[in-house]
PDB file of N, CA and C in Angstrom:
ATOM      1  N   MET A   1       0.817  -1.180   0.000  1.00  0.00           N
ATOM      2  CA  MET A   1       0.000   0.000   0.000  1.00  0.00           C
ATOM      3  C   MET A   1       0.873   1.260   0.000  1.00  0.00           C
ATOM      4  N   LEU A   2       1.952   1.229   0.749  1.00  0.00           N
ATOM      5  CA  LEU A   2       2.817   2.408   0.802  1.00  0.00           C
ATOM      6  C   LEU A   2       3.485   2.652  -0.543  1.00  0.00           C
ATOM      7  N   GLU A   3       3.919   1.598  -1.190  1.00  0.00           N
ATOM      8  CA  GLU A   3       4.645   1.754  -2.442  1.00  0.00           C
ATOM      9  C   GLU A   3       3.751   2.200  -3.585  1.00  0.00           C
ATOM     10  N   THR A   4       2.456   1.949  -3.476  1.00  0.00           N
ATOM     11  CA  THR A   4       1.536   2.368  -4.528  1.00  0.00           C
ATOM     12  C   THR A   4       0.815   3.667  -4.172  1.00  0.00           C
ATOM     13  N   GLY A   5       1.114   4.226  -3.001  1.00  0.00           N
ATOM     14  CA  GLY A   5       0.533   5.490  -2.590  1.00  0.00           C
ATOM     15  C   GLY A   5      -0.897   5.401  -2.089  1.00  0.00           C
ATOM     16  N   GLN A   6      -1.342   4.198  -1.755  1.00  0.00           N
ATOM     17  CA  GLN A   6      -2.703   4.030  -1.252  1.00  0.00           C
ATOM     18  C   GLN A   6      -2.789   4.464   0.204  1.00  0.00           C
ATOM     19  N   LYS A   7      -3.972   4.894   0.575  1.00  0.00           N
ATOM     20  CA  LYS A   7      -4.219   5.273   1.968  1.00  0.00           C
ATOM     21  C   LYS A   7      -4.849   4.096   2.693  1.00  0.00           C
ATOM     22  N   GLY A   8      -4.897   4.191   4.023  1.00  0.00           N
ATOM     23  CA  GLY A   8      -5.566   3.158   4.801  1.00  0.00           C
ATOM     24  C   GLY A   8      -4.643   2.156   5.448  1.00  0.00           C
ATOM     25  N   VAL A   9      -3.387   2.507   5.619  1.00  0.00           N
ATOM     26  CA  VAL A   9      -2.420   1.599   6.226  1.00  0.00           C
ATOM     27  C   VAL A   9      -2.627   1.488   7.737  1.00  0.00           C
ATOM     28  N   ARG A  10      -3.039   2.570   8.356  1.00  0.00           N
ATOM     29  CA  ARG A  10      -3.136   2.625   9.816  1.00  0.00           C
ATOM     30  C   ARG A  10      -3.964   1.484  10.426  1.00  0.00           C
ATOM     31  N   PRO A  11      -5.155   1.165   9.900  1.00  0.00           N
ATOM     32  CA  PRO A  11      -5.925   0.061  10.511  1.00  0.00           C
ATOM     33  C   PRO A  11      -5.178  -1.267  10.480  1.00  0.00           C
ATOM     34  N   HIS A  12      -4.413  -1.488   9.423  1.00  0.00           N
ATOM     35  CA  HIS A  12      -3.635  -2.724   9.329  1.00  0.00           C
ATOM     36  C   HIS A  12      -2.530  -2.754  10.381  1.00  0.00           C
ATOM     37  N   ILE A  13      -1.853  -1.631  10.544  1.00  0.00           N
ATOM     38  CA  ILE A  13      -0.776  -1.534  11.539  1.00  0.00           C
ATOM     39  C   ILE A  13      -1.343  -1.754  12.937  1.00  0.00           C
ATOM     40  N   GLU A  14      -2.462  -1.129  13.227  1.00  0.00           N
ATOM     41  CA  GLU A  14      -3.071  -1.258  14.552  1.00  0.00           C
ATOM     42  C   GLU A  14      -3.499  -2.700  14.829  1.00  0.00           C
ATOM     43  N   LEU A  15      -4.011  -3.385  13.829  1.00  0.00           N
ATOM     44  CA  LEU A  15      -4.405  -4.781  13.999  1.00  0.00           C
ATOM     45  C   LEU A  15      -3.190  -5.655  14.299  1.00  0.00           C
ATOM     46  N   VAL A  16      -2.129  -5.445  13.565  1.00  0.00           N
ATOM     47  CA  VAL A  16      -0.909  -6.227  13.790  1.00  0.00           C
ATOM     48  C   VAL A  16      -0.340  -5.951  15.176  1.00  0.00           C
ATOM     49  N   GLN A  17      -0.374  -4.708  15.612  1.00  0.00           N
ATOM     50  CA  GLN A  17       0.123  -4.372  16.954  1.00  0.00           C
ATOM     51  C   GLN A  17      -0.662  -5.119  18.026  1.00  0.00           C
ATOM     52  N   GLN A  18      -1.948  -5.285  17.831  1.00  0.00           N
ATOM     53  CA  GLN A  18      -2.763  -6.026  18.791  1.00  0.00           C
ATOM     54  C   GLN A  18      -2.391  -7.505  18.810  1.00  0.00           C
ATOM     55  N   LEU A  19      -1.955  -8.030  17.670  1.00  0.00           N
ATOM     56  CA  LEU A  19      -1.597  -9.447  17.583  1.00  0.00           C
ATOM     57  C   LEU A  19      -0.225  -9.755  18.182  1.00  0.00           C
ATOM     58  N   LEU A  20       0.564  -8.726  18.448  1.00  0.00           N
ATOM     59  CA  LEU A  20       1.912  -8.941  18.978  1.00  0.00           C
ATOM     60  C   LEU A  20       1.920  -9.535  20.388  1.00  0.00           C
ATOM     61  N   VAL A  21       0.791  -9.548  21.058  1.00  0.00           N
ATOM     62  CA  VAL A  21       0.741 -10.137  22.394  1.00  0.00           C
ATOM     63  C   VAL A  21       0.835 -11.655  22.329  1.00  0.00           C
ATOM     64  N   VAL A  22       0.616 -12.231  21.148  1.00  0.00           N
ATOM     65  CA  VAL A  22       0.743 -13.680  20.960  1.00  0.00           C
ATOM     66  C   VAL A  22       2.201 -13.962  20.575  1.00  0.00           C
ATOM     67  N   PRO A  23       2.964 -14.599  21.459  1.00  0.00           N
ATOM     68  CA  PRO A  23       4.400 -14.784  21.218  1.00  0.00           C
ATOM     69  C   PRO A  23       4.730 -15.453  19.885  1.00  0.00           C
ATOM     70  N   GLU A  24       3.952 -16.440  19.490  1.00  0.00           N
ATOM     71  CA  GLU A  24       4.238 -17.139  18.237  1.00  0.00           C
ATOM     72  C   GLU A  24       4.069 -16.212  17.034  1.00  0.00           C
ATOM     73  N   LEU A  25       3.050 -15.373  17.074  1.00  0.00           N
ATOM     74  CA  LEU A  25       2.820 -14.443  15.972  1.00  0.00           C
ATOM     75  C   LEU A  25       3.888 -13.356  15.935  1.00  0.00           C
ATOM     76  N   LYS A  26       4.297 -12.891  17.109  1.00  0.00           N
ATOM     77  CA  LYS A  26       5.349 -11.876  17.164  1.00  0.00           C
ATOM     78  C   LYS A  26       6.649 -12.425  16.583  1.00  0.00           C
ATOM     79  N   LYS A  27       6.990 -13.640  16.956  1.00  0.00           N
ATOM     80  CA  LYS A  27       8.213 -14.258  16.450  1.00  0.00           C
ATOM     81  C   LYS A  27       8.143 -14.439  14.933  1.00  0.00           C
ATOM     82  N   GLU A  28       7.010 -14.908  14.450  1.00  0.00           N
ATOM     83  CA  GLU A  28       6.848 -15.110  13.015  1.00  0.00           C
ATOM     84  C   GLU A  28       6.940 -13.788  12.254  1.00  0.00           C
ATOM     85  N   LEU A  29       6.363 -12.753  12.805  1.00  0.00           N
ATOM     86  CA  LEU A  29       6.410 -11.446  12.164  1.00  0.00           C
ATOM     87  C   LEU A  29       7.845 -10.904  12.146  1.00  0.00           C
ATOM     88  N   GLU A  30       8.554 -11.045  13.252  1.00  0.00           N
ATOM     89  CA  GLU A  30       9.956 -10.607  13.300  1.00  0.00           C
ATOM     90  C   GLU A  30      10.789 -11.341  12.267  1.00  0.00           C
ATOM     91  N   GLU A  31      10.548 -12.644  12.129  1.00  0.00           N
ATOM     92  CA  GLU A  31      11.282 -13.445  11.145  1.00  0.00           C
ATOM     93  C   GLU A  31      10.942 -13.013   9.724  1.00  0.00           C
ATOM     94  N   SER A  32       9.686 -12.670   9.486  1.00  0.00           N
ATOM     95  CA  SER A  32       9.266 -12.225   8.158  1.00  0.00           C
ATOM     96  C   SER A  32       9.929 -10.899   7.788  1.00  0.00           C
ATOM     97  N   PHE A  33       9.988  -9.973   8.741  1.00  0.00           N
ATOM     98  CA  PHE A  33      10.670  -8.704   8.489  1.00  0.00           C
ATOM     99  C   PHE A  33      12.153  -8.944   8.216  1.00  0.00           C
ATOM    100  N   ALA A  34      12.773  -9.779   9.014  1.00  0.00           N
ATOM    101  CA  ALA A  34      14.199 -10.074   8.828  1.00  0.00           C
ATOM    102  C   ALA A  34      14.446 -10.695   7.458  1.00  0.00           C
ATOM    103  N   ASP A  35      13.588 -11.609   7.041  1.00  0.00           N
ATOM    104  CA  ASP A  35      13.726 -12.243   5.740  1.00  0.00           C
ATOM    105  C   ASP A  35      13.582 -11.218   4.617  1.00  0.00           C
ATOM    106  N   GLY A  36      12.565 -10.372   4.722  1.00  0.00           N
ATOM    107  CA  GLY A  36      12.361  -9.358   3.698  1.00  0.00           C
ATOM    108  C   GLY A  36      13.531  -8.405   3.581  1.00  0.00           C
ATOM    109  N   LEU A  37      14.083  -7.999   4.722  1.00  0.00           N
ATOM    110  CA  LEU A  37      15.217  -7.070   4.703  1.00  0.00           C
ATOM    111  C   LEU A  37      16.510  -7.754   4.285  1.00  0.00           C
ATOM    112  N   GLN A  38      16.590  -9.058   4.471  1.00  0.00           N
ATOM    113  CA  GLN A  38      17.764  -9.779   3.994  1.00  0.00           C
ATOM    114  C   GLN A  38      17.723  -9.864   2.467  1.00  0.00           C
ATOM    115  N   ARG A  39      16.537 -10.065   1.933  1.00  0.00           N
ATOM    116  CA  ARG A  39      16.382 -10.155   0.483  1.00  0.00           C
ATOM    117  C   ARG A  39      16.545  -8.794  -0.192  1.00  0.00           C
ATOM    118  N   LYS A  40      16.059  -7.758   0.458  1.00  0.00           N
ATOM    119  CA  LYS A  40      16.115  -6.405  -0.107  1.00  0.00           C
ATOM    120  C   LYS A  40      16.448  -5.430   1.023  1.00  0.00           C
ATOM    121  N   PRO A  41      17.736  -5.304   1.355  1.00  0.00           N
ATOM    122  CA  PRO A  41      18.170  -4.528   2.529  1.00  0.00           C
ATOM    123  C   PRO A  41      17.717  -3.068   2.553  1.00  0.00           C
ATOM    124  N   GLU A  42      17.539  -2.461   1.430  1.00  0.00           N
ATOM    125  CA  GLU A  42      17.164  -1.045   1.397  1.00  0.00           C
ATOM    126  C   GLU A  42      15.672  -0.849   1.124  1.00  0.00           C
ATOM    127  N   TRP A  43      14.846  -1.797   1.516  1.00  0.00           N
ATOM    128  CA  TRP A  43      13.402  -1.734   1.283  1.00  0.00           C
ATOM    129  C   TRP A  43      12.802  -0.728   2.250  1.00  0.00           C
ATOM    130  N   ARG A  44      12.684   0.487   1.783  1.00  0.00           N
ATOM    131  CA  ARG A  44      12.270   1.616   2.633  1.00  0.00           C
ATOM    132  C   ARG A  44      10.889   1.403   3.255  1.00  0.00           C
ATOM    133  N   SER A  45       9.935   0.960   2.458  1.00  0.00           N
ATOM    134  CA  SER A  45       8.567   0.774   2.958  1.00  0.00           C
ATOM    135  C   SER A  45       8.515  -0.287   4.048  1.00  0.00           C
ATOM    136  N   LEU A  46       9.263  -1.355   3.870  1.00  0.00           N
ATOM    137  CA  LEU A  46       9.271  -2.424   4.876  1.00  0.00           C
ATOM    138  C   LEU A  46       9.883  -1.924   6.181  1.00  0.00           C
ATOM    139  N   LYS A  47      10.949  -1.160   6.078  1.00  0.00           N
ATOM    140  CA  LYS A  47      11.566  -0.590   7.274  1.00  0.00           C
ATOM    141  C   LYS A  47      10.603   0.352   7.996  1.00  0.00           C
ATOM    142  N   GLN A  48       9.837   1.110   7.228  1.00  0.00           N
ATOM    143  CA  GLN A  48       8.890   2.041   7.812  1.00  0.00           C
ATOM    144  C   GLN A  48       7.789   1.294   8.557  1.00  0.00           C
ATOM    145  N   VAL A  49       7.248   0.256   7.942  1.00  0.00           N
ATOM    146  CA  VAL A  49       6.194  -0.532   8.583  1.00  0.00           C
ATOM    147  C   VAL A  49       6.741  -1.237   9.818  1.00  0.00           C
ATOM    148  N   GLN A  50       7.943  -1.772   9.719  1.00  0.00           N
ATOM    149  CA  GLN A  50       8.578  -2.430  10.865  1.00  0.00           C
ATOM    150  C   GLN A  50       8.710  -1.446  12.022  1.00  0.00           C
ATOM    151  N   SER A  51       9.108  -0.247  11.729  1.00  0.00           N
ATOM    152  CA  SER A  51       9.245   0.780  12.757  1.00  0.00           C
ATOM    153  C   SER A  51       7.896   1.101  13.396  1.00  0.00           C
ATOM    154  N   TRP A  52       6.861   1.254  12.591  1.00  0.00           N
ATOM    155  CA  TRP A  52       5.543   1.551  13.107  1.00  0.00           C
ATOM    156  C   TRP A  52       5.045   0.449  14.019  1.00  0.00           C
ATOM    157  N   ILE A  53       5.313  -0.784  13.662  1.00  0.00           N
ATOM    158  CA  ILE A  53       4.778  -1.915  14.435  1.00  0.00           C
ATOM    159  C   ILE A  53       5.553  -2.118  15.734  1.00  0.00           C
ATOM    160  N   PHE A  54       6.865  -2.103  15.671  1.00  0.00           N
ATOM    161  CA  PHE A  54       7.670  -2.485  16.824  1.00  0.00           C
ATOM    162  C   PHE A  54       8.165  -1.318  17.685  1.00  0.00           C
ATOM    163  N   ASP A  55       8.127  -0.104  17.172  1.00  0.00           N
ATOM    164  CA  ASP A  55       8.671   1.038  17.915  1.00  0.00           C
ATOM    165  C   ASP A  55       7.585   1.850  18.612  1.00  0.00           C
ATOM    166  N   THR A  56       6.442   1.241  18.894  1.00  0.00           N
ATOM    167  CA  THR A  56       5.363   1.991  19.542  1.00  0.00           C
ATOM    168  C   THR A  56       5.324   1.697  21.021  1.00  0.00           C
TER     169      THR A  56
END
């Protein structure tokens, strides 16, 4: 959504933040971010979403 300029990202971020209380989901999400950044280290949108989710 960020890369195509679409609006409406906030509800998705808020939903994911609520799911972080489940340890298995948090671990899986962290691994997914790490995998994405390993494949494309300068993926700006992914870094931004990662920051929104984990830095709150």
